Amino acid sequence: MSITVELQYFASLRDRTGVEHERLSTSADTLEALYRECDARHGLGWPIAKLRVAANGEFARWDDPVADGDRVAFIPPVSGG
């Protein structure tokens, strides 16, 4: 079964994809599976251990399920100074 999600990319992930957000039709059942699909599609290059993930405005776990209409954000580490 395919669902549609709205993805947001931040910082270096936005640079890699060339977009800030996109709609994606997916059969991924977890946030980790969704990230792996996006990584294969865009060559994001970050291991999930280094990233944070949020779903519908709240930080989430990689093994959380993905539902139709979810807004998912992949957040790489940021540096500042």
PDB file of N, CA and C in Angstrom:
ATOM      1  N   MET A   1       0.842  -1.184   0.000  1.00  0.00           N
ATOM      2  CA  MET A   1       0.000   0.000   0.000  1.00  0.00           C
ATOM      3  C   MET A   1       0.886   1.246   0.000  1.00  0.00           C
ATOM      4  N   SER A   2       0.541   2.185  -0.799  1.00  0.00           N
ATOM      5  CA  SER A   2       1.325   3.408  -0.906  1.00  0.00           C
ATOM      6  C   SER A   2       0.645   4.544  -0.144  1.00  0.00           C
ATOM      7  N   ILE A   3       1.469   5.331   0.542  1.00  0.00           N
ATOM      8  CA  ILE A   3       0.984   6.512   1.248  1.00  0.00           C
ATOM      9  C   ILE A   3       1.734   7.727   0.718  1.00  0.00           C
ATOM     10  N   THR A   4       1.220   8.902   1.018  1.00  0.00           N
ATOM     11  CA  THR A   4       1.888  10.142   0.609  1.00  0.00           C
ATOM     12  C   THR A   4       2.303  10.903   1.856  1.00  0.00           C
ATOM     13  N   VAL A   5       3.569  11.320   1.870  1.00  0.00           N
ATOM     14  CA  VAL A   5       4.104  12.097   2.984  1.00  0.00           C
ATOM     15  C   VAL A   5       4.714  13.383   2.447  1.00  0.00           C
ATOM     16  N   GLU A   6       4.815  14.364   3.317  1.00  0.00           N
ATOM     17  CA  GLU A   6       5.472  15.633   3.011  1.00  0.00           C
ATOM     18  C   GLU A   6       6.809  15.618   3.737  1.00  0.00           C
ATOM     19  N   LEU A   7       7.898  15.728   2.992  1.00  0.00           N
ATOM     20  CA  LEU A   7       9.240  15.682   3.570  1.00  0.00           C
ATOM     21  C   LEU A   7       9.838  17.071   3.625  1.00  0.00           C
ATOM     22  N   GLN A   8      10.569  17.344   4.705  1.00  0.00           N
ATOM     23  CA  GLN A   8      11.335  18.580   4.834  1.00  0.00           C
ATOM     24  C   GLN A   8      12.795  18.211   5.017  1.00  0.00           C
ATOM     25  N   TYR A   9      13.652  18.940   4.332  1.00  0.00           N
ATOM     26  CA  TYR A   9      15.092  18.725   4.431  1.00  0.00           C
ATOM     27  C   TYR A   9      15.735  19.992   4.973  1.00  0.00           C
ATOM     28  N   PHE A  10      16.681  19.827   5.880  1.00  0.00           N
ATOM     29  CA  PHE A  10      17.365  20.962   6.484  1.00  0.00           C
ATOM     30  C   PHE A  10      18.857  20.916   6.177  1.00  0.00           C
ATOM     31  N   ALA A  11      19.463  22.091   6.152  1.00  0.00           N
ATOM     32  CA  ALA A  11      20.925  22.273   6.054  1.00  0.00           C
ATOM     33  C   ALA A  11      21.520  21.467   4.903  1.00  0.00           C
ATOM     34  N   SER A  12      22.492  20.609   5.198  1.00  0.00           N
ATOM     35  CA  SER A  12      23.188  19.876   4.134  1.00  0.00           C
ATOM     36  C   SER A  12      22.266  18.931   3.378  1.00  0.00           C
ATOM     37  N   LEU A  13      21.209  18.452   4.014  1.00  0.00           N
ATOM     38  CA  LEU A  13      20.263  17.585   3.303  1.00  0.00           C
ATOM     39  C   LEU A  13      19.496  18.384   2.243  1.00  0.00           C
ATOM     40  N   ARG A  14      19.165  19.607   2.567  1.00  0.00           N
ATOM     41  CA  ARG A  14      18.513  20.488   1.594  1.00  0.00           C
ATOM     42  C   ARG A  14      19.456  20.755   0.426  1.00  0.00           C
ATOM     43  N   ASP A  15      20.735  20.950   0.733  1.00  0.00           N
ATOM     44  CA  ASP A  15      21.721  21.172  -0.325  1.00  0.00           C
ATOM     45  C   ASP A  15      21.822  19.952  -1.242  1.00  0.00           C
ATOM     46  N   ARG A  16      21.802  18.759  -0.663  1.00  0.00           N
ATOM     47  CA  ARG A  16      21.930  17.532  -1.464  1.00  0.00           C
ATOM     48  C   ARG A  16      20.721  17.287  -2.353  1.00  0.00           C
ATOM     49  N   THR A  17      19.519  17.545  -1.819  1.00  0.00           N
ATOM     50  CA  THR A  17      18.303  17.285  -2.598  1.00  0.00           C
ATOM     51  C   THR A  17      18.009  18.410  -3.578  1.00  0.00           C
ATOM     52  N   GLY A  18      18.465  19.613  -3.236  1.00  0.00           N
ATOM     53  CA  GLY A  18      18.151  20.772  -4.062  1.00  0.00           C
ATOM     54  C   GLY A  18      16.761  21.332  -3.799  1.00  0.00           C
ATOM     55  N   VAL A  19      16.068  20.784  -2.793  1.00  0.00           N
ATOM     56  CA  VAL A  19      14.733  21.260  -2.433  1.00  0.00           C
ATOM     57  C   VAL A  19      14.610  21.340  -0.913  1.00  0.00           C
ATOM     58  N   GLU A  20      13.739  22.222  -0.459  1.00  0.00           N
ATOM     59  CA  GLU A  20      13.489  22.332   0.977  1.00  0.00           C
ATOM     60  C   GLU A  20      12.449  21.315   1.422  1.00  0.00           C
ATOM     61  N   HIS A  21      11.501  21.034   0.538  1.00  0.00           N
ATOM     62  CA  HIS A  21      10.465  20.052   0.869  1.00  0.00           C
ATOM     63  C   HIS A  21       9.964  19.393  -0.409  1.00  0.00           C
ATOM     64  N   GLU A  22       9.363  18.215  -0.248  1.00  0.00           N
ATOM     65  CA  GLU A  22       8.781  17.496  -1.377  1.00  0.00           C
ATOM     66  C   GLU A  22       7.706  16.549  -0.877  1.00  0.00           C
ATOM     67  N   ARG A  23       6.769  16.245  -1.751  1.00  0.00           N
ATOM     68  CA  ARG A  23       5.764  15.221  -1.485  1.00  0.00           C
ATOM     69  C   ARG A  23       6.281  13.929  -2.093  1.00  0.00           C
ATOM     70  N   LEU A  24       6.087  12.846  -1.368  1.00  0.00           N
ATOM     71  CA  LEU A  24       6.596  11.565  -1.827  1.00  0.00           C
ATOM     72  C   LEU A  24       5.551  10.482  -1.594  1.00  0.00           C
ATOM     73  N   SER A  25       5.323   9.688  -2.612  1.00  0.00           N
ATOM     74  CA  SER A  25       4.501   8.497  -2.476  1.00  0.00           C
ATOM     75  C   SER A  25       5.436   7.353  -2.118  1.00  0.00           C
ATOM     76  N   THR A  26       5.137   6.636  -1.042  1.00  0.00           N
ATOM     77  CA  THR A  26       6.061   5.630  -0.523  1.00  0.00           C
ATOM     78  C   THR A  26       5.307   4.434   0.031  1.00  0.00           C
ATOM     79  N   SER A  27       6.002   3.330   0.104  1.00  0.00           N
ATOM     80  CA  SER A  27       5.466   2.155   0.786  1.00  0.00           C
ATOM     81  C   SER A  27       6.238   1.896   2.079  1.00  0.00           C
ATOM     82  N   ALA A  28       7.112   2.833   2.477  1.00  0.00           N
ATOM     83  CA  ALA A  28       7.888   2.699   3.721  1.00  0.00           C
ATOM     84  C   ALA A  28       6.933   2.582   4.908  1.00  0.00           C
ATOM     85  N   ASP A  29       7.276   1.696   5.830  1.00  0.00           N
ATOM     86  CA  ASP A  29       6.417   1.515   7.003  1.00  0.00           C
ATOM     87  C   ASP A  29       6.971   2.154   8.273  1.00  0.00           C
ATOM     88  N   THR A  30       8.247   2.537   8.255  1.00  0.00           N
ATOM     89  CA  THR A  30       8.856   3.218   9.405  1.00  0.00           C
ATOM     90  C   THR A  30       9.612   4.449   8.912  1.00  0.00           C
ATOM     91  N   LEU A  31       9.944   5.323   9.841  1.00  0.00           N
ATOM     92  CA  LEU A  31      10.723   6.505   9.486  1.00  0.00           C
ATOM     93  C   LEU A  31      12.103   6.115   8.972  1.00  0.00           C
ATOM     94  N   GLU A  32      12.683   5.063   9.530  1.00  0.00           N
ATOM     95  CA  GLU A  32      13.986   4.602   9.035  1.00  0.00           C
ATOM     96  C   GLU A  32      13.888   4.137   7.586  1.00  0.00           C
ATOM     97  N   ALA A  33      12.871   3.358   7.270  1.00  0.00           N
ATOM     98  CA  ALA A  33      12.689   2.886   5.888  1.00  0.00           C
ATOM     99  C   ALA A  33      12.461   4.059   4.942  1.00  0.00           C
ATOM    100  N   LEU A  34      11.743   5.074   5.411  1.00  0.00           N
ATOM    101  CA  LEU A  34      11.506   6.265   4.597  1.00  0.00           C
ATOM    102  C   LEU A  34      12.822   6.996   4.335  1.00  0.00           C
ATOM    103  N   TYR A  35      13.649   7.154   5.377  1.00  0.00           N
ATOM    104  CA  TYR A  35      14.939   7.819   5.183  1.00  0.00           C
ATOM    105  C   TYR A  35      15.813   7.032   4.206  1.00  0.00           C
ATOM    106  N   ARG A  36      15.852   5.728   4.363  1.00  0.00           N
ATOM    107  CA  ARG A  36      16.677   4.906   3.463  1.00  0.00           C
ATOM    108  C   ARG A  36      16.214   5.047   2.009  1.00  0.00           C
ATOM    109  N   GLU A  37      14.913   5.142   1.812  1.00  0.00           N
ATOM    110  CA  GLU A  37      14.385   5.368   0.465  1.00  0.00           C
ATOM    111  C   GLU A  37      14.840   6.723  -0.080  1.00  0.00           C
ATOM    112  N   CYS A  38      14.769   7.754   0.751  1.00  0.00           N
ATOM    113  CA  CYS A  38      15.195   9.093   0.327  1.00  0.00           C
ATOM    114  C   CYS A  38      16.698   9.141   0.099  1.00  0.00           C
ATOM    115  N   ASP A  39      17.459   8.434   0.926  1.00  0.00           N
ATOM    116  CA  ASP A  39      18.906   8.378   0.763  1.00  0.00           C
ATOM    117  C   ASP A  39      19.266   7.720  -0.567  1.00  0.00           C
ATOM    118  N   ALA A  40      18.587   6.632  -0.896  1.00  0.00           N
ATOM    119  CA  ALA A  40      18.843   5.958  -2.176  1.00  0.00           C
ATOM    120  C   ALA A  40      18.461   6.854  -3.354  1.00  0.00           C
ATOM    121  N   ARG A  41      17.425   7.626  -3.182  1.00  0.00           N
ATOM    122  CA  ARG A  41      16.924   8.504  -4.249  1.00  0.00           C
ATOM    123  C   ARG A  41      17.808   9.729  -4.473  1.00  0.00           C
ATOM    124  N   HIS A  42      18.276  10.321  -3.356  1.00  0.00           N
ATOM    125  CA  HIS A  42      18.999  11.593  -3.435  1.00  0.00           C
ATOM    126  C   HIS A  42      20.475  11.515  -3.060  1.00  0.00           C
ATOM    127  N   GLY A  43      20.945  10.382  -2.533  1.00  0.00           N
ATOM    128  CA  GLY A  43      22.332  10.298  -2.070  1.00  0.00           C
ATOM    129  C   GLY A  43      22.595  11.222  -0.894  1.00  0.00           C
ATOM    130  N   LEU A  44      21.752  11.151   0.130  1.00  0.00           N
ATOM    131  CA  LEU A  44      21.850  12.074   1.259  1.00  0.00           C
ATOM    132  C   LEU A  44      23.148  11.914   2.038  1.00  0.00           C
ATOM    133  N   GLY A  45      23.624  10.700   2.187  1.00  0.00           N
ATOM    134  CA  GLY A  45      24.960  10.483   2.718  1.00  0.00           C
ATOM    135  C   GLY A  45      25.141  10.498   4.222  1.00  0.00           C
ATOM    136  N   TRP A  46      24.100  10.711   5.002  1.00  0.00           N
ATOM    137  CA  TRP A  46      24.237  10.707   6.458  1.00  0.00           C
ATOM    138  C   TRP A  46      23.748   9.379   7.022  1.00  0.00           C
ATOM    139  N   PRO A  47      24.510   8.760   7.947  1.00  0.00           N
ATOM    140  CA  PRO A  47      23.978   7.585   8.645  1.00  0.00           C
ATOM    141  C   PRO A  47      22.896   8.042   9.631  1.00  0.00           C
ATOM    142  N   ILE A  48      21.879   7.220   9.826  1.00  0.00           N
ATOM    143  CA  ILE A  48      20.775   7.658  10.688  1.00  0.00           C
ATOM    144  C   ILE A  48      21.222   7.921  12.126  1.00  0.00           C
ATOM    145  N   ALA A  49      22.314   7.307  12.546  1.00  0.00           N
ATOM    146  CA  ALA A  49      22.806   7.540  13.906  1.00  0.00           C
ATOM    147  C   ALA A  49      23.228   8.990  14.120  1.00  0.00           C
ATOM    148  N   LYS A  50      23.494   9.718  13.051  1.00  0.00           N
ATOM    149  CA  LYS A  50      23.930  11.116  13.145  1.00  0.00           C
ATOM    150  C   LYS A  50      22.785  12.111  12.954  1.00  0.00           C
ATOM    151  N   LEU A  51      21.594  11.619  12.587  1.00  0.00           N
ATOM    152  CA  LEU A  51      20.466  12.488  12.266  1.00  0.00           C
ATOM    153  C   LEU A  51      19.397  12.438  13.342  1.00  0.00           C
ATOM    154  N   ARG A  52      18.565  13.472  13.352  1.00  0.00           N
ATOM    155  CA  ARG A  52      17.311  13.470  14.125  1.00  0.00           C
ATOM    156  C   ARG A  52      16.188  13.402  13.116  1.00  0.00           C
ATOM    157  N   VAL A  53      15.071  12.881  13.561  1.00  0.00           N
ATOM    158  CA  VAL A  53      13.892  12.811  12.709  1.00  0.00           C
ATOM    159  C   VAL A  53      12.713  13.356  13.499  1.00  0.00           C
ATOM    160  N   ALA A  54      11.848  14.066  12.801  1.00  0.00           N
ATOM    161  CA  ALA A  54      10.626  14.582  13.418  1.00  0.00           C
ATOM    162  C   ALA A  54       9.445  14.211  12.537  1.00  0.00           C
ATOM    163  N   ALA A  55       8.329  13.948  13.171  1.00  0.00           N
ATOM    164  CA  ALA A  55       7.095  13.649  12.450  1.00  0.00           C
ATOM    165  C   ALA A  55       5.993  14.533  13.018  1.00  0.00           C
ATOM    166  N   ASN A  56       5.350  15.272  12.134  1.00  0.00           N
ATOM    167  CA  ASN A  56       4.237  16.138  12.516  1.00  0.00           C
ATOM    168  C   ASN A  56       4.607  17.115  13.636  1.00  0.00           C
ATOM    169  N   GLY A  57       5.826  17.676  13.513  1.00  0.00           N
ATOM    170  CA  GLY A  57       6.246  18.722  14.432  1.00  0.00           C
ATOM    171  C   GLY A  57       6.832  18.256  15.749  1.00  0.00           C
ATOM    172  N   GLU A  58       7.020  16.938  15.939  1.00  0.00           N
ATOM    173  CA  GLU A  58       7.578  16.416  17.176  1.00  0.00           C
ATOM    174  C   GLU A  58       8.722  15.468  16.869  1.00  0.00           C
ATOM    175  N   PHE A  59       9.785  15.523  17.685  1.00  0.00           N
ATOM    176  CA  PHE A  59      10.862  14.565  17.492  1.00  0.00           C
ATOM    177  C   PHE A  59      10.305  13.157  17.619  1.00  0.00           C
ATOM    178  N   ALA A  60      10.844  12.254  16.799  1.00  0.00           N
ATOM    179  CA  ALA A  60      10.337  10.888  16.737  1.00  0.00           C
ATOM    180  C   ALA A  60      11.494   9.909  16.792  1.00  0.00           C
ATOM    181  N   ARG A  61      11.158   8.623  16.855  1.00  0.00           N
ATOM    182  CA  ARG A  61      12.157   7.554  16.816  1.00  0.00           C
ATOM    183  C   ARG A  61      12.164   6.955  15.413  1.00  0.00           C
ATOM    184  N   TRP A  62      13.302   6.421  15.016  1.00  0.00           N
ATOM    185  CA  TRP A  62      13.436   5.873  13.669  1.00  0.00           C
ATOM    186  C   TRP A  62      12.512   4.686  13.427  1.00  0.00           C
ATOM    187  N   ASP A  63      12.144   3.964  14.482  1.00  0.00           N
ATOM    188  CA  ASP A  63      11.265   2.806  14.289  1.00  0.00           C
ATOM    189  C   ASP A  63       9.786   3.160  14.395  1.00  0.00           C
ATOM    190  N   ASP A  64       9.464   4.461  14.547  1.00  0.00           N
ATOM    191  CA  ASP A  64       8.056   4.877  14.547  1.00  0.00           C
ATOM    192  C   ASP A  64       7.444   4.645  13.170  1.00  0.00           C
ATOM    193  N   PRO A  65       6.152   4.294  13.129  1.00  0.00           N
ATOM    194  CA  PRO A  65       5.493   4.074  11.840  1.00  0.00           C
ATOM    195  C   PRO A  65       5.247   5.374  11.080  1.00  0.00           C
ATOM    196  N   VAL A  66       5.102   5.238   9.779  1.00  0.00           N
ATOM    197  CA  VAL A  66       4.779   6.365   8.900  1.00  0.00           C
ATOM    198  C   VAL A  66       3.317   6.208   8.477  1.00  0.00           C
ATOM    199  N   ALA A  67       2.559   7.304   8.520  1.00  0.00           N
ATOM    200  CA  ALA A  67       1.154   7.270   8.129  1.00  0.00           C
ATOM    201  C   ALA A  67       0.895   8.244   6.988  1.00  0.00           C
ATOM    202  N   ASP A  68      -0.129   7.970   6.241  1.00  0.00           N
ATOM    203  CA  ASP A  68      -0.522   8.836   5.137  1.00  0.00           C
ATOM    204  C   ASP A  68      -0.738  10.259   5.645  1.00  0.00           C
ATOM    205  N   GLY A  69      -0.140  11.225   4.954  1.00  0.00           N
ATOM    206  CA  GLY A  69      -0.294  12.625   5.316  1.00  0.00           C
ATOM    207  C   GLY A  69       0.711  13.138   6.327  1.00  0.00           C
ATOM    208  N   ASP A  70       1.585  12.267   6.851  1.00  0.00           N
ATOM    209  CA  ASP A  70       2.584  12.727   7.822  1.00  0.00           C
ATOM    210  C   ASP A  70       3.506  13.778   7.208  1.00  0.00           C
ATOM    211  N   ARG A  71       3.955  14.707   8.054  1.00  0.00           N
ATOM    212  CA  ARG A  71       4.987  15.681   7.696  1.00  0.00           C
ATOM    213  C   ARG A  71       6.256  15.244   8.411  1.00  0.00           C
ATOM    214  N   VAL A  72       7.263  14.862   7.651  1.00  0.00           N
ATOM    215  CA  VAL A  72       8.483  14.288   8.209  1.00  0.00           C
ATOM    216  C   VAL A  72       9.663  15.207   7.902  1.00  0.00           C
ATOM    217  N   ALA A  73      10.499  15.437   8.908  1.00  0.00           N
ATOM    218  CA  ALA A  73      11.699  16.258   8.726  1.00  0.00           C
ATOM    219  C   ALA A  73      12.919  15.435   9.102  1.00  0.00           C
ATOM    220  N   PHE A  74      13.922  15.471   8.247  1.00  0.00           N
ATOM    221  CA  PHE A  74      15.217  14.872   8.524  1.00  0.00           C
ATOM    222  C   PHE A  74      16.159  16.014   8.885  1.00  0.00           C
ATOM    223  N   ILE A  75      16.808  15.906  10.054  1.00  0.00           N
ATOM    224  CA  ILE A  75      17.571  17.021  10.590  1.00  0.00           C
ATOM    225  C   ILE A  75      19.015  16.576  10.866  1.00  0.00           C
ATOM    226  N   PRO A  76      19.974  17.071  10.074  1.00  0.00           N
ATOM    227  CA  PRO A  76      21.372  16.735  10.312  1.00  0.00           C
ATOM    228  C   PRO A  76      21.926  17.554  11.463  1.00  0.00           C
ATOM    229  N   PRO A  77      23.096  17.149  11.990  1.00  0.00           N
ATOM    230  CA  PRO A  77      23.728  17.971  13.024  1.00  0.00           C
ATOM    231  C   PRO A  77      24.074  19.345  12.453  1.00  0.00           C
ATOM    232  N   VAL A  78      23.977  20.339  13.277  1.00  0.00           N
ATOM    233  CA  VAL A  78      24.326  21.690  12.829  1.00  0.00           C
ATOM    234  C   VAL A  78      25.494  22.186  13.663  1.00  0.00           C
ATOM    235  N   SER A  79      26.280  23.010  13.047  1.00  0.00           N
ATOM    236  CA  SER A  79      27.391  23.613  13.784  1.00  0.00           C
ATOM    237  C   SER A  79      27.175  25.113  13.794  1.00  0.00           C
ATOM    238  N   GLY A  80      27.652  25.714  14.807  1.00  0.00           N
ATOM    239  CA  GLY A  80      27.525  27.157  14.904  1.00  0.00           C
ATOM    240  C   GLY A  80      28.728  27.727  15.609  1.00  0.00           C
ATOM    241  N   GLY A  81      28.764  29.005  15.640  1.00  0.00           N
ATOM    242  CA  GLY A  81      29.916  29.578  16.315  1.00  0.00           C
ATOM    243  C   GLY A  81      29.836  31.063  16.322  1.00  0.00           C
TER     244      GLY A  81
END
